[in-house]
């Protein structure tokens, strides 16, 4: 992504909104140590829509369904969180070699969202 702005803090993390070369926005949740914890699963045409989607993620997280699955590239495991329509709205920032490591990362992400409420 070509540009970014920090927008909000969640449980010791920060949310950064980025814009890509096509003018679409997406968010990244960044941990205190600087690592990207999660990224948005959807692209948004407007900055405000992206920020609102992150806020909905925070407030609706307990109702969202998550899963660990093989990555599309087949090189490990990824986690994702889906909305009521089945769209991935938050995904792991990277693939994990082990299922158990991915599952632990997913649980930490859910904990960070829960600590912000």
PDB file of N, CA and C in Angstrom:
ATOM      1  N   UNK A   1       0.844  -1.175   0.000  1.00  0.00           N
ATOM      2  CA  UNK A   1       0.000   0.000   0.000  1.00  0.00           C
ATOM      3  C   UNK A   1       0.885   1.232   0.000  1.00  0.00           C
ATOM      4  N   UNK A   2       0.415   2.276  -0.623  1.00  0.00           N
ATOM      5  CA  UNK A   2       1.300   3.407  -0.851  1.00  0.00           C
ATOM      6  C   UNK A   2       1.274   4.470   0.226  1.00  0.00           C
ATOM      7  N   UNK A   3       0.181   4.669   0.906  1.00  0.00           N
ATOM      8  CA  UNK A   3       0.108   5.689   1.950  1.00  0.00           C
ATOM      9  C   UNK A   3      -0.551   5.124   3.176  1.00  0.00           C
ATOM     10  N   UNK A   4      -0.383   5.811   4.318  1.00  0.00           N
ATOM     11  CA  UNK A   4      -1.022   5.295   5.522  1.00  0.00           C
ATOM     12  C   UNK A   4      -1.225   6.401   6.538  1.00  0.00           C
ATOM     13  N   UNK A   5      -2.182   6.149   7.432  1.00  0.00           N
ATOM     14  CA  UNK A   5      -2.477   7.039   8.562  1.00  0.00           C
ATOM     15  C   UNK A   5      -2.855   6.193   9.748  1.00  0.00           C
ATOM     16  N   UNK A   6      -2.338   6.541  10.912  1.00  0.00           N
ATOM     17  CA  UNK A   6      -2.736   5.854  12.138  1.00  0.00           C
ATOM     18  C   UNK A   6      -4.083   6.403  12.545  1.00  0.00           C
ATOM     19  N   UNK A   7      -4.991   5.507  12.956  1.00  0.00           N
ATOM     20  CA  UNK A   7      -6.334   5.999  13.245  1.00  0.00           C
ATOM     21  C   UNK A   7      -6.833   5.725  14.651  1.00  0.00           C
ATOM     22  N   UNK A   8      -6.467   4.627  15.255  1.00  0.00           N
ATOM     23  CA  UNK A   8      -7.086   4.276  16.528  1.00  0.00           C
ATOM     24  C   UNK A   8      -6.204   3.292  17.262  1.00  0.00           C
ATOM     25  N   UNK A   9      -6.426   3.157  18.553  1.00  0.00           N
ATOM     26  CA  UNK A   9      -5.679   2.202  19.361  1.00  0.00           C
ATOM     27  C   UNK A   9      -6.630   1.159  19.924  1.00  0.00           C
ATOM     28  N   UNK A  10      -6.165  -0.076  19.966  1.00  0.00           N
ATOM     29  CA  UNK A  10      -6.953  -1.200  20.463  1.00  0.00           C
ATOM     30  C   UNK A  10      -6.070  -2.034  21.370  1.00  0.00           C
ATOM     31  N   UNK A  11      -6.404  -2.121  22.646  1.00  0.00           N
ATOM     32  CA  UNK A  11      -5.703  -3.012  23.565  1.00  0.00           C
ATOM     33  C   UNK A  11      -4.185  -2.969  23.457  1.00  0.00           C
ATOM     34  N   UNK A  12      -3.584  -1.792  23.369  1.00  0.00           N
ATOM     35  CA  UNK A  12      -2.139  -1.677  23.247  1.00  0.00           C
ATOM     36  C   UNK A  12      -1.646  -1.768  21.820  1.00  0.00           C
ATOM     37  N   UNK A  13      -2.534  -1.986  20.882  1.00  0.00           N
ATOM     38  CA  UNK A  13      -2.162  -2.021  19.465  1.00  0.00           C
ATOM     39  C   UNK A  13      -2.638  -0.737  18.808  1.00  0.00           C
ATOM     40  N   UNK A  14      -2.291  -0.566  17.557  1.00  0.00           N
ATOM     41  CA  UNK A  14      -2.814   0.572  16.810  1.00  0.00           C
ATOM     42  C   UNK A  14      -3.354   0.089  15.469  1.00  0.00           C
ATOM     43  N   UNK A  15      -4.314   0.824  14.975  1.00  0.00           N
ATOM     44  CA  UNK A  15      -4.893   0.539  13.670  1.00  0.00           C
ATOM     45  C   UNK A  15      -4.340   1.569  12.695  1.00  0.00           C
ATOM     46  N   UNK A  16      -3.816   1.090  11.606  1.00  0.00           N
ATOM     47  CA  UNK A  16      -3.286   1.982  10.589  1.00  0.00           C
ATOM     48  C   UNK A  16      -4.105   1.789   9.323  1.00  0.00           C
ATOM     49  N   UNK A  17      -4.579   2.888   8.744  1.00  0.00           N
ATOM     50  CA  UNK A  17      -5.337   2.846   7.498  1.00  0.00           C
ATOM     51  C   UNK A  17      -4.367   3.145   6.359  1.00  0.00           C
ATOM     52  N   UNK A  18      -4.347   2.277   5.358  1.00  0.00           N
ATOM     53  CA  UNK A  18      -3.460   2.414   4.215  1.00  0.00           C
ATOM     54  C   UNK A  18      -4.267   2.642   2.943  1.00  0.00           C
ATOM     55  N   UNK A  19      -3.643   3.273   1.966  1.00  0.00           N
ATOM     56  CA  UNK A  19      -4.248   3.434   0.641  1.00  0.00           C
ATOM     57  C   UNK A  19      -3.296   2.827  -0.385  1.00  0.00           C
ATOM     58  N   UNK A  20      -3.851   2.057  -1.314  1.00  0.00           N
ATOM     59  CA  UNK A  20      -3.008   1.410  -2.316  1.00  0.00           C
ATOM     60  C   UNK A  20      -2.931   2.252  -3.590  1.00  0.00           C
ATOM     61  N   UNK A  21      -2.237   1.765  -4.569  1.00  0.00           N
ATOM     62  CA  UNK A  21      -2.048   2.480  -5.829  1.00  0.00           C
ATOM     63  C   UNK A  21      -3.314   2.671  -6.638  1.00  0.00           C
ATOM     64  N   UNK A  22      -4.365   1.956  -6.283  1.00  0.00           N
ATOM     65  CA  UNK A  22      -5.656   2.066  -6.984  1.00  0.00           C
ATOM     66  C   UNK A  22      -6.631   2.961  -6.239  1.00  0.00           C
ATOM     67  N   UNK A  23      -6.198   3.527  -5.123  1.00  0.00           N
ATOM     68  CA  UNK A  23      -7.054   4.411  -4.342  1.00  0.00           C
ATOM     69  C   UNK A  23      -7.972   3.697  -3.368  1.00  0.00           C
ATOM     70  N   UNK A  24      -7.742   2.417  -3.118  1.00  0.00           N
ATOM     71  CA  UNK A  24      -8.553   1.662  -2.163  1.00  0.00           C
ATOM     72  C   UNK A  24      -7.890   1.689  -0.791  1.00  0.00           C
ATOM     73  N   UNK A  25      -8.727   1.694   0.250  1.00  0.00           N
ATOM     74  CA  UNK A  25      -8.247   1.733   1.624  1.00  0.00           C
ATOM     75  C   UNK A  25      -8.382   0.367   2.288  1.00  0.00           C
ATOM     76  N   UNK A  26      -7.480   0.086   3.206  1.00  0.00           N
ATOM     77  CA  UNK A  26      -7.525  -1.110   4.030  1.00  0.00           C
ATOM     78  C   UNK A  26      -6.863  -0.803   5.355  1.00  0.00           C
ATOM     79  N   UNK A  27      -7.223  -1.544   6.400  1.00  0.00           N
ATOM     80  CA  UNK A  27      -6.627  -1.310   7.713  1.00  0.00           C
ATOM     81  C   UNK A  27      -5.651  -2.423   8.044  1.00  0.00           C
ATOM     82  N   UNK A  28      -4.716  -2.097   8.935  1.00  0.00           N
ATOM     83  CA  UNK A  28      -3.775  -3.052   9.518  1.00  0.00           C
ATOM     84  C   UNK A  28      -3.777  -2.835  11.019  1.00  0.00           C
ATOM     85  N   UNK A  29      -3.853  -3.914  11.788  1.00  0.00           N
ATOM     86  CA  UNK A  29      -3.711  -3.829  13.238  1.00  0.00           C
ATOM     87  C   UNK A  29      -2.257  -4.159  13.556  1.00  0.00           C
ATOM     88  N   UNK A  30      -1.583  -3.232  14.259  1.00  0.00           N
ATOM     89  CA  UNK A  30      -0.162  -3.370  14.541  1.00  0.00           C
ATOM     90  C   UNK A  30       0.031  -3.489  16.054  1.00  0.00           C
ATOM     91  N   UNK A  31       0.768  -4.514  16.466  1.00  0.00           N
ATOM     92  CA  UNK A  31       1.033  -4.757  17.890  1.00  0.00           C
ATOM     93  C   UNK A  31       2.043  -3.748  18.422  1.00  0.00           C
ATOM     94  N   UNK A  32       2.171  -3.708  19.734  1.00  0.00           N
ATOM     95  CA  UNK A  32       3.121  -2.803  20.380  1.00  0.00           C
ATOM     96  C   UNK A  32       4.547  -3.023  19.911  1.00  0.00           C
ATOM     97  N   UNK A  33       4.885  -4.254  19.532  1.00  0.00           N
ATOM     98  CA  UNK A  33       6.247  -4.549  19.076  1.00  0.00           C
ATOM     99  C   UNK A  33       6.470  -4.211  17.602  1.00  0.00           C
ATOM    100  N   UNK A  34       5.455  -3.646  16.941  1.00  0.00           N
ATOM    101  CA  UNK A  34       5.578  -3.235  15.547  1.00  0.00           C
ATOM    102  C   UNK A  34       5.164  -4.271  14.525  1.00  0.00           C
ATOM    103  N   UNK A  35       4.815  -5.461  14.967  1.00  0.00           N
ATOM    104  CA  UNK A  35       4.393  -6.502  14.021  1.00  0.00           C
ATOM    105  C   UNK A  35       2.934  -6.322  13.642  1.00  0.00           C
ATOM    106  N   UNK A  36       2.636  -6.619  12.392  1.00  0.00           N
ATOM    107  CA  UNK A  36       1.262  -6.560  11.915  1.00  0.00           C
ATOM    108  C   UNK A  36       0.545  -7.819  12.390  1.00  0.00           C
ATOM    109  N   UNK A  37      -0.548  -7.624  13.122  1.00  0.00           N
ATOM    110  CA  UNK A  37      -1.316  -8.727  13.701  1.00  0.00           C
ATOM    111  C   UNK A  37      -2.372  -9.220  12.722  1.00  0.00           C
ATOM    112  N   UNK A  38      -3.050  -8.285  12.060  1.00  0.00           N
ATOM    113  CA  UNK A  38      -4.150  -8.624  11.156  1.00  0.00           C
ATOM    114  C   UNK A  38      -4.288  -7.532  10.108  1.00  0.00           C
ATOM    115  N   UNK A  39      -4.929  -7.895   8.997  1.00  0.00           N
ATOM    116  CA  UNK A  39      -5.229  -6.927   7.943  1.00  0.00           C
ATOM    117  C   UNK A  39      -6.691  -7.079   7.543  1.00  0.00           C
ATOM    118  N   UNK A  40      -7.225  -6.033   6.944  1.00  0.00           N
ATOM    119  CA  UNK A  40      -8.613  -6.102   6.505  1.00  0.00           C
ATOM    120  C   UNK A  40      -8.738  -7.086   5.344  1.00  0.00           C
ATOM    121  N   UNK A  41      -9.829  -7.789   5.318  1.00  0.00           N
ATOM    122  CA  UNK A  41     -10.095  -8.735   4.248  1.00  0.00           C
ATOM    123  C   UNK A  41     -10.785  -8.094   3.061  1.00  0.00           C
ATOM    124  N   UNK A  42     -11.230  -6.868   3.232  1.00  0.00           N
ATOM    125  CA  UNK A  42     -11.940  -6.147   2.187  1.00  0.00           C
ATOM    126  C   UNK A  42     -11.241  -4.822   1.901  1.00  0.00           C
ATOM    127  N   UNK A  43     -11.399  -4.332   0.687  1.00  0.00           N
ATOM    128  CA  UNK A  43     -10.892  -3.010   0.320  1.00  0.00           C
ATOM    129  C   UNK A  43     -12.067  -2.034   0.316  1.00  0.00           C
ATOM    130  N   UNK A  44     -11.783  -0.782   0.622  1.00  0.00           N
ATOM    131  CA  UNK A  44     -12.821   0.241   0.735  1.00  0.00           C
ATOM    132  C   UNK A  44     -12.489   1.429  -0.150  1.00  0.00           C
ATOM    133  N   UNK A  45     -13.508   2.018  -0.730  1.00  0.00           N
ATOM    134  CA  UNK A  45     -13.311   3.170  -1.617  1.00  0.00           C
ATOM    135  C   UNK A  45     -13.051   4.452  -0.843  1.00  0.00           C
ATOM    136  N   UNK A  46     -13.545   4.532   0.389  1.00  0.00           N
ATOM    137  CA  UNK A  46     -13.422   5.748   1.195  1.00  0.00           C
ATOM    138  C   UNK A  46     -12.719   5.442   2.521  1.00  0.00           C
ATOM    139  N   UNK A  47     -11.916   6.387   2.981  1.00  0.00           N
ATOM    140  CA  UNK A  47     -11.214   6.266   4.255  1.00  0.00           C
ATOM    141  C   UNK A  47     -12.210   6.037   5.396  1.00  0.00           C
ATOM    142  N   UNK A  48     -13.271   6.832   5.427  1.00  0.00           N
ATOM    143  CA  UNK A  48     -14.265   6.725   6.494  1.00  0.00           C
ATOM    144  C   UNK A  48     -14.945   5.370   6.529  1.00  0.00           C
ATOM    145  N   UNK A  49     -15.184   4.780   5.367  1.00  0.00           N
ATOM    146  CA  UNK A  49     -15.791   3.448   5.315  1.00  0.00           C
ATOM    147  C   UNK A  49     -14.846   2.402   5.904  1.00  0.00           C
ATOM    148  N   UNK A  50     -13.559   2.553   5.626  1.00  0.00           N
ATOM    149  CA  UNK A  50     -12.562   1.630   6.162  1.00  0.00           C
ATOM    150  C   UNK A  50     -12.496   1.743   7.682  1.00  0.00           C
ATOM    151  N   UNK A  51     -12.437   2.961   8.176  1.00  0.00           N
ATOM    152  CA  UNK A  51     -12.379   3.171   9.618  1.00  0.00           C
ATOM    153  C   UNK A  51     -13.651   2.648  10.291  1.00  0.00           C
ATOM    154  N   UNK A  52     -14.806   2.880   9.674  1.00  0.00           N
ATOM    155  CA  UNK A  52     -16.070   2.383  10.229  1.00  0.00           C
ATOM    156  C   UNK A  52     -16.096   0.852  10.254  1.00  0.00           C
ATOM    157  N   UNK A  53     -15.514   0.215   9.246  1.00  0.00           N
ATOM    158  CA  UNK A  53     -15.460  -1.251   9.214  1.00  0.00           C
ATOM    159  C   UNK A  53     -14.607  -1.770  10.361  1.00  0.00           C
ATOM    160  N   UNK A  54     -13.503  -1.083  10.658  1.00  0.00           N
ATOM    161  CA  UNK A  54     -12.667  -1.497  11.785  1.00  0.00           C
ATOM    162  C   UNK A  54     -13.415  -1.326  13.100  1.00  0.00           C
ATOM    163  N   UNK A  55     -14.128  -0.242  13.240  1.00  0.00           N
ATOM    164  CA  UNK A  55     -14.915  -0.016  14.462  1.00  0.00           C
ATOM    165  C   UNK A  55     -15.986  -1.093  14.626  1.00  0.00           C
ATOM    166  N   UNK A  56     -16.643  -1.479  13.520  1.00  0.00           N
ATOM    167  CA  UNK A  56     -17.643  -2.562  13.579  1.00  0.00           C
ATOM    168  C   UNK A  56     -16.986  -3.868  13.985  1.00  0.00           C
ATOM    169  N   UNK A  57     -15.787  -4.120  13.473  1.00  0.00           N
ATOM    170  CA  UNK A  57     -15.045  -5.320  13.863  1.00  0.00           C
ATOM    171  C   UNK A  57     -14.839  -5.338  15.373  1.00  0.00           C
ATOM    172  N   UNK A  58     -14.439  -4.221  15.920  1.00  0.00           N
ATOM    173  CA  UNK A  58     -14.215  -4.138  17.365  1.00  0.00           C
ATOM    174  C   UNK A  58     -15.496  -4.391  18.146  1.00  0.00           C
ATOM    175  N   UNK A  59     -16.590  -3.773  17.741  1.00  0.00           N
ATOM    176  CA  UNK A  59     -17.825  -3.885  18.511  1.00  0.00           C
ATOM    177  C   UNK A  59     -18.569  -5.202  18.275  1.00  0.00           C
ATOM    178  N   UNK A  60     -18.414  -5.790  17.092  1.00  0.00           N
ATOM    179  CA  UNK A  60     -19.144  -7.007  16.739  1.00  0.00           C
ATOM    180  C   UNK A  60     -18.293  -8.271  16.850  1.00  0.00           C
ATOM    181  N   UNK A  61     -17.074  -8.172  17.337  1.00  0.00           N
ATOM    182  CA  UNK A  61     -16.139  -9.297  17.276  1.00  0.00           C
ATOM    183  C   UNK A  61     -16.669 -10.563  17.951  1.00  0.00           C
ATOM    184  N   UNK A  62     -17.411 -10.426  19.025  1.00  0.00           N
ATOM    185  CA  UNK A  62     -17.915 -11.608  19.732  1.00  0.00           C
ATOM    186  C   UNK A  62     -18.904 -12.405  18.885  1.00  0.00           C
ATOM    187  N   UNK A  63     -19.551 -11.752  17.937  1.00  0.00           N
ATOM    188  CA  UNK A  63     -20.543 -12.431  17.097  1.00  0.00           C
ATOM    189  C   UNK A  63     -19.969 -12.963  15.791  1.00  0.00           C
ATOM    190  N   UNK A  64     -18.723 -12.650  15.488  1.00  0.00           N
ATOM    191  CA  UNK A  64     -18.126 -13.046  14.216  1.00  0.00           C
ATOM    192  C   UNK A  64     -17.521 -14.443  14.306  1.00  0.00           C
ATOM    193  N   UNK A  65     -17.577 -15.157  13.210  1.00  0.00           N
ATOM    194  CA  UNK A  65     -17.087 -16.526  13.144  1.00  0.00           C
ATOM    195  C   UNK A  65     -15.669 -16.524  12.577  1.00  0.00           C
ATOM    196  N   UNK A  66     -14.783 -17.236  13.248  1.00  0.00           N
ATOM    197  CA  UNK A  66     -13.404 -17.338  12.788  1.00  0.00           C
ATOM    198  C   UNK A  66     -13.027 -18.770  12.478  1.00  0.00           C
ATOM    199  N   UNK A  67     -11.940 -18.918  11.714  1.00  0.00           N
ATOM    200  CA  UNK A  67     -11.474 -20.247  11.343  1.00  0.00           C
ATOM    201  C   UNK A  67     -10.000 -20.196  10.993  1.00  0.00           C
ATOM    202  N   UNK A  68      -9.356 -21.342  11.110  1.00  0.00           N
ATOM    203  CA  UNK A  68      -7.991 -21.536  10.648  1.00  0.00           C
ATOM    204  C   UNK A  68      -8.087 -22.464   9.446  1.00  0.00           C
ATOM    205  N   UNK A  69      -7.368 -22.124   8.377  1.00  0.00           N
ATOM    206  CA  UNK A  69      -7.429 -22.932   7.166  1.00  0.00           C
ATOM    207  C   UNK A  69      -6.096 -22.866   6.432  1.00  0.00           C
ATOM    208  N   UNK A  70      -5.928 -23.762   5.449  1.00  0.00           N
ATOM    209  CA  UNK A  70      -4.732 -23.711   4.611  1.00  0.00           C
ATOM    210  C   UNK A  70      -4.730 -22.401   3.831  1.00  0.00           C
ATOM    211  N   UNK A  71      -3.559 -21.833   3.630  1.00  0.00           N
ATOM    212  CA  UNK A  71      -3.471 -20.609   2.842  1.00  0.00           C
ATOM    213  C   UNK A  71      -3.782 -20.920   1.384  1.00  0.00           C
ATOM    214  N   UNK A  72      -4.230 -19.913   0.647  1.00  0.00           N
ATOM    215  CA  UNK A  72      -4.574 -20.096  -0.764  1.00  0.00           C
ATOM    216  C   UNK A  72      -3.352 -20.543  -1.572  1.00  0.00           C
ATOM    217  N   UNK A  73      -2.171 -20.105  -1.148  1.00  0.00           N
ATOM    218  CA  UNK A  73      -0.942 -20.471  -1.847  1.00  0.00           C
ATOM    219  C   UNK A  73      -0.463 -21.868  -1.463  1.00  0.00           C
ATOM    220  N   UNK A  74      -1.080 -22.453  -0.431  1.00  0.00           N
ATOM    221  CA  UNK A  74      -0.723 -23.791   0.011  1.00  0.00           C
ATOM    222  C   UNK A  74       0.571 -23.867   0.798  1.00  0.00           C
ATOM    223  N   UNK A  75       1.045 -22.721   1.310  1.00  0.00           N
ATOM    224  CA  UNK A  75       2.324 -22.719   2.022  1.00  0.00           C
ATOM    225  C   UNK A  75       2.159 -22.524   3.520  1.00  0.00           C
ATOM    226  N   UNK A  76       1.120 -23.061   4.095  1.00  0.00           N
ATOM    227  CA  UNK A  76       0.933 -22.959   5.529  1.00  0.00           C
ATOM    228  C   UNK A  76      -0.520 -22.728   5.897  1.00  0.00           C
ATOM    229  N   UNK A  77      -0.683 -22.118   7.073  1.00  0.00           N
ATOM    230  CA  UNK A  77      -2.004 -21.899   7.651  1.00  0.00           C
ATOM    231  C   UNK A  77      -2.252 -20.418   7.833  1.00  0.00           C
ATOM    232  N   UNK A  78      -3.489 -20.002   7.651  1.00  0.00           N
ATOM    233  CA  UNK A  78      -3.916 -18.629   7.909  1.00  0.00           C
ATOM    234  C   UNK A  78      -5.201 -18.682   8.722  1.00  0.00           C
ATOM    235  N   UNK A  79      -5.488 -17.598   9.445  1.00  0.00           N
ATOM    236  CA  UNK A  79      -6.776 -17.495  10.130  1.00  0.00           C
ATOM    237  C   UNK A  79      -7.551 -16.360   9.487  1.00  0.00           C
ATOM    238  N   UNK A  80      -8.861 -16.428   9.628  1.00  0.00           N
ATOM    239  CA  UNK A  80      -9.711 -15.359   9.127  1.00  0.00           C
ATOM    240  C   UNK A  80     -10.964 -15.248   9.963  1.00  0.00           C
ATOM    241  N   UNK A  81     -11.548 -14.070   9.918  1.00  0.00           N
ATOM    242  CA  UNK A  81     -12.780 -13.770  10.633  1.00  0.00           C
ATOM    243  C   UNK A  81     -13.793 -13.336   9.581  1.00  0.00           C
ATOM    244  N   UNK A  82     -14.969 -13.955   9.578  1.00  0.00           N
ATOM    245  CA  UNK A  82     -15.986 -13.677   8.557  1.00  0.00           C
ATOM    246  C   UNK A  82     -17.183 -12.939   9.152  1.00  0.00           C
ATOM    247  N   UNK A  83     -17.806 -12.118   8.308  1.00  0.00           N
ATOM    248  CA  UNK A  83     -19.024 -11.442   8.731  1.00  0.00           C
ATOM    249  C   UNK A  83     -20.222 -12.360   8.505  1.00  0.00           C
ATOM    250  N   UNK A  84     -21.424 -11.884   8.780  1.00  0.00           N
ATOM    251  CA  UNK A  84     -22.641 -12.683   8.648  1.00  0.00           C
ATOM    252  C   UNK A  84     -22.918 -13.157   7.234  1.00  0.00           C
ATOM    253  N   UNK A  85     -22.346 -12.462   6.231  1.00  0.00           N
ATOM    254  CA  UNK A  85     -22.512 -12.857   4.833  1.00  0.00           C
ATOM    255  C   UNK A  85     -21.408 -13.785   4.349  1.00  0.00           C
ATOM    256  N   UNK A  86     -20.486 -14.135   5.249  1.00  0.00           N
ATOM    257  CA  UNK A  86     -19.410 -15.050   4.886  1.00  0.00           C
ATOM    258  C   UNK A  86     -18.178 -14.389   4.291  1.00  0.00           C
ATOM    259  N   UNK A  87     -18.165 -13.067   4.226  1.00  0.00           N
ATOM    260  CA  UNK A  87     -17.002 -12.366   3.675  1.00  0.00           C
ATOM    261  C   UNK A  87     -15.895 -12.282   4.714  1.00  0.00           C
ATOM    262  N   UNK A  88     -14.648 -12.519   4.310  1.00  0.00           N
ATOM    263  CA  UNK A  88     -13.540 -12.373   5.268  1.00  0.00           C
ATOM    264  C   UNK A  88     -13.298 -10.896   5.558  1.00  0.00           C
ATOM    265  N   UNK A  89     -13.466 -10.488   6.811  1.00  0.00           N
ATOM    266  CA  UNK A  89     -13.293  -9.078   7.141  1.00  0.00           C
ATOM    267  C   UNK A  89     -11.980  -8.809   7.864  1.00  0.00           C
ATOM    268  N   UNK A  90     -11.370  -9.847   8.439  1.00  0.00           N
ATOM    269  CA  UNK A  90     -10.048  -9.734   9.052  1.00  0.00           C
ATOM    270  C   UNK A  90      -9.302 -11.025   8.759  1.00  0.00           C
ATOM    271  N   UNK A  91      -8.043 -10.901   8.378  1.00  0.00           N
ATOM    272  CA  UNK A  91      -7.242 -12.078   8.061  1.00  0.00           C
ATOM    273  C   UNK A  91      -5.863 -11.942   8.705  1.00  0.00           C
ATOM    274  N   UNK A  92      -5.219 -13.085   8.902  1.00  0.00           N
ATOM    275  CA  UNK A  92      -3.871 -13.050   9.463  1.00  0.00           C
ATOM    276  C   UNK A  92      -2.952 -12.323   8.487  1.00  0.00           C
ATOM    277  N   UNK A  93      -1.970 -11.655   9.039  1.00  0.00           N
ATOM    278  CA  UNK A  93      -1.061 -10.866   8.215  1.00  0.00           C
ATOM    279  C   UNK A  93      -0.045 -11.737   7.479  1.00  0.00           C
ATOM    280  N   UNK A  94       0.060 -12.984   7.895  1.00  0.00           N
ATOM    281  CA  UNK A  94       1.016 -13.890   7.252  1.00  0.00           C
ATOM    282  C   UNK A  94       0.528 -15.319   7.399  1.00  0.00           C
ATOM    283  N   UNK A  95       1.166 -16.214   6.672  1.00  0.00           N
ATOM    284  CA  UNK A  95       0.889 -17.640   6.801  1.00  0.00           C
ATOM    285  C   UNK A  95       1.790 -18.222   7.884  1.00  0.00           C
ATOM    286  N   UNK A  96       1.281 -19.216   8.597  1.00  0.00           N
ATOM    287  CA  UNK A  96       2.016 -19.885   9.671  1.00  0.00           C
ATOM    288  C   UNK A  96       2.344 -21.304   9.241  1.00  0.00           C
ATOM    289  N   UNK A  97       3.509 -21.776   9.642  1.00  0.00           N
ATOM    290  CA  UNK A  97       3.949 -23.116   9.265  1.00  0.00           C
ATOM    291  C   UNK A  97       3.120 -24.199   9.951  1.00  0.00           C
ATOM    292  N   UNK A  98       2.725 -23.949  11.199  1.00  0.00           N
ATOM    293  CA  UNK A  98       1.987 -24.951  11.968  1.00  0.00           C
ATOM    294  C   UNK A  98       0.569 -24.476  12.267  1.00  0.00           C
ATOM    295  N   UNK A  99      -0.337 -25.432  12.244  1.00  0.00           N
ATOM    296  CA  UNK A  99      -1.732 -25.148  12.579  1.00  0.00           C
ATOM    297  C   UNK A  99      -1.836 -24.585  13.990  1.00  0.00           C
ATOM    298  N   UNK A 100      -1.127 -25.184  14.937  1.00  0.00           N
ATOM    299  CA  UNK A 100      -1.218 -24.760  16.334  1.00  0.00           C
ATOM    300  C   UNK A 100      -0.701 -23.331  16.526  1.00  0.00           C
ATOM    301  N   UNK A 101       0.335 -22.945  15.812  1.00  0.00           N
ATOM    302  CA  UNK A 101       0.864 -21.582  15.907  1.00  0.00           C
ATOM    303  C   UNK A 101      -0.144 -20.585  15.337  1.00  0.00           C
ATOM    304  N   UNK A 102      -0.769 -20.948  14.241  1.00  0.00           N
ATOM    305  CA  UNK A 102      -1.788 -20.091  13.628  1.00  0.00           C
ATOM    306  C   UNK A 102      -2.978 -19.950  14.570  1.00  0.00           C
ATOM    307  N   UNK A 103      -3.392 -21.042  15.158  1.00  0.00           N
ATOM    308  CA  UNK A 103      -4.525 -21.012  16.091  1.00  0.00           C
ATOM    309  C   UNK A 103      -4.214 -20.111  17.295  1.00  0.00           C
ATOM    310  N   UNK A 104      -2.996 -20.185  17.805  1.00  0.00           N
ATOM    311  CA  UNK A 104      -2.593 -19.319  18.921  1.00  0.00           C
ATOM    312  C   UNK A 104      -2.596 -17.851  18.516  1.00  0.00           C
ATOM    313  N   UNK A 105      -2.124 -17.555  17.312  1.00  0.00           N
ATOM    314  CA  UNK A 105      -2.132 -16.175  16.812  1.00  0.00           C
ATOM    315  C   UNK A 105      -3.565 -15.666  16.679  1.00  0.00           C
ATOM    316  N   UNK A 106      -4.454 -16.522  16.199  1.00  0.00           N
ATOM    317  CA  UNK A 106      -5.865 -16.166  16.074  1.00  0.00           C
ATOM    318  C   UNK A 106      -6.468 -15.852  17.446  1.00  0.00           C
ATOM    319  N   UNK A 107      -6.172 -16.692  18.421  1.00  0.00           N
ATOM    320  CA  UNK A 107      -6.709 -16.473  19.771  1.00  0.00           C
ATOM    321  C   UNK A 107      -6.156 -15.181  20.392  1.00  0.00           C
ATOM    322  N   UNK A 108      -4.884 -14.862  20.139  1.00  0.00           N
ATOM    323  CA  UNK A 108      -4.318 -13.598  20.623  1.00  0.00           C
ATOM    324  C   UNK A 108      -5.020 -12.408  19.972  1.00  0.00           C
ATOM    325  N   UNK A 109      -5.286 -12.510  18.669  1.00  0.00           N
ATOM    326  CA  UNK A 109      -6.004 -11.445  17.962  1.00  0.00           C
ATOM    327  C   UNK A 109      -7.389 -11.234  18.578  1.00  0.00           C
ATOM    328  N   UNK A 110      -8.109 -12.339  18.816  1.00  0.00           N
ATOM    329  CA  UNK A 110      -9.440 -12.212  19.422  1.00  0.00           C
ATOM    330  C   UNK A 110      -9.339 -11.595  20.792  1.00  0.00           C
ATOM    331  N   UNK A 111      -8.308 -11.932  21.538  1.00  0.00           N
ATOM    332  CA  UNK A 111      -8.099 -11.350  22.863  1.00  0.00           C
ATOM    333  C   UNK A 111      -7.840  -9.857  22.782  1.00  0.00           C
ATOM    334  N   UNK A 112      -7.057  -9.430  21.798  1.00  0.00           N
ATOM    335  CA  UNK A 112      -6.799  -7.996  21.627  1.00  0.00           C
ATOM    336  C   UNK A 112      -8.090  -7.251  21.298  1.00  0.00           C
ATOM    337  N   UNK A 113      -8.909  -7.833  20.458  1.00  0.00           N
ATOM    338  CA  UNK A 113     -10.195  -7.176  20.147  1.00  0.00           C
ATOM    339  C   UNK A 113     -11.067  -7.112  21.382  1.00  0.00           C
ATOM    340  N   UNK A 114     -11.115  -8.176  22.156  1.00  0.00           N
ATOM    341  CA  UNK A 114     -11.930  -8.218  23.358  1.00  0.00           C
ATOM    342  C   UNK A 114     -11.465  -7.248  24.420  1.00  0.00           C
ATOM    343  N   UNK A 115     -10.166  -6.984  24.480  1.00  0.00           N
ATOM    344  CA  UNK A 115      -9.638  -6.075  25.506  1.00  0.00           C
ATOM    345  C   UNK A 115      -9.953  -4.632  25.201  1.00  0.00           C
ATOM    346  N   UNK A 116     -10.388  -4.341  23.979  1.00  0.00           N
ATOM    347  CA  UNK A 116     -10.678  -2.962  23.603  1.00  0.00           C
ATOM    348  C   UNK A 116     -12.109  -2.564  23.886  1.00  0.00           C
ATOM    349  N   UNK A 117     -12.944  -3.529  24.246  1.00  0.00           N
ATOM    350  CA  UNK A 117     -14.375  -3.229  24.417  1.00  0.00           C
ATOM    351  C   UNK A 117     -14.672  -2.659  25.772  1.00  0.00           C
TER     352      UNK A 117
END
